[in-house]
Protein backbone atom coordinates (compact mmCIF):
# COMPACT_ATOMS: atom_id res chain seq x y z
CA MET A 1 4.75 26.13 -48.63
CA PHE A 2 5.15 27.64 -52.08
CA ALA A 3 8.39 28.75 -53.75
CA ARG A 4 7.00 32.26 -54.14
CA ASP A 5 7.12 32.56 -50.34
CA ALA A 6 10.77 33.61 -50.54
CA SER A 7 10.97 34.99 -47.03
CA ALA A 8 9.66 31.71 -45.59
CA THR A 9 12.09 29.57 -47.59
CA GLU A 10 15.03 31.84 -46.68
CA MET A 11 14.04 31.49 -43.03
CA LEU A 12 14.66 27.73 -43.28
CA GLN A 13 18.36 28.15 -44.16
CA GLY A 14 20.39 26.89 -41.19
CA CYS A 15 17.25 25.92 -39.27
CA PRO A 16 17.89 23.03 -36.86
CA VAL A 17 16.11 19.72 -37.50
CA VAL A 18 15.36 17.43 -34.56
CA THR A 19 13.39 14.25 -33.94
CA ALA A 20 10.11 14.32 -32.04
CA ALA A 21 12.16 13.33 -28.97
CA GLY A 22 14.37 16.40 -29.44
CA ASP A 23 17.46 14.58 -30.74
CA TRP A 24 19.58 16.53 -33.24
CA VAL A 25 19.27 15.36 -36.87
CA GLY A 26 21.02 18.23 -38.67
CA ALA A 27 20.61 21.75 -40.03
CA VAL A 28 18.89 22.86 -43.26
CA ARG A 29 21.35 23.58 -46.04
CA SER A 30 18.94 23.98 -48.97
CA ILE A 31 15.48 23.11 -50.19
CA LEU A 32 14.19 21.31 -53.28
CA ILE A 33 11.11 22.73 -54.98
CA ASP A 34 8.84 21.03 -57.54
CA VAL A 35 9.15 23.21 -60.64
CA ARG A 36 5.65 22.45 -61.92
CA SER A 37 3.68 22.99 -58.74
CA ARG A 38 6.19 25.41 -57.13
CA GLN A 39 5.77 23.56 -53.84
CA LEU A 40 8.51 22.64 -51.43
CA ARG A 41 9.21 18.89 -51.67
CA TYR A 42 12.45 18.14 -49.81
CA VAL A 43 14.68 19.77 -47.24
CA MET A 44 18.38 19.08 -47.71
CA LEU A 45 20.34 19.06 -44.50
CA LEU A 46 23.82 18.41 -43.24
CA SER A 47 23.77 15.70 -40.62
CA ARG A 48 26.41 14.40 -38.29
CA PRO A 49 28.66 12.39 -38.36
CA GLY A 50 30.73 13.33 -41.36
CA ASN A 51 28.42 16.15 -42.50
CA ALA A 52 26.49 13.90 -44.89
CA LEU A 53 23.93 15.64 -47.11
CA VAL A 54 20.48 14.11 -46.48
CA ALA A 55 17.10 14.76 -48.16
CA ILE A 56 14.00 14.67 -45.96
CA PRO A 57 10.49 14.91 -47.46
CA TRP A 58 8.77 18.16 -46.49
CA HIS A 59 5.59 16.31 -45.48
CA ALA A 60 7.59 14.47 -42.77
CA LEU A 61 8.46 17.76 -41.03
CA TYR A 62 6.63 20.40 -39.10
CA PHE A 63 7.87 23.79 -37.94
CA ASP A 64 7.96 24.23 -34.18
CA SER A 65 7.55 28.01 -34.02
CA SER A 66 8.00 28.18 -30.25
CA LEU A 67 11.57 26.85 -30.55
CA SER A 68 12.29 27.93 -34.18
CA ARG A 69 13.13 24.44 -35.44
CA LEU A 70 11.86 21.73 -37.74
CA VAL A 71 10.72 18.46 -36.18
CA TYR A 72 11.15 15.24 -38.17
CA PHE A 73 8.61 12.52 -37.45
CA THR A 74 9.84 8.97 -37.93
CA CYS A 75 8.21 5.63 -37.27
CA THR A 76 9.54 3.85 -34.22
């Protein structure tokens, strides 16, 4: 995703983030974009408990359009 895709990046604000098993991870608060390439690099989200701010690499996520959420793949 490129930074010039403003409507797509705005759509991510508040988007839920879950694990592949469907467990809640958090909600998107902001995004970090590489200035040189103008590509999205990290999604910043508020996670529970304590509303900690966490950065997740964009390449570790995919958008589940059927449920309007981001899915975070982790190694188990």
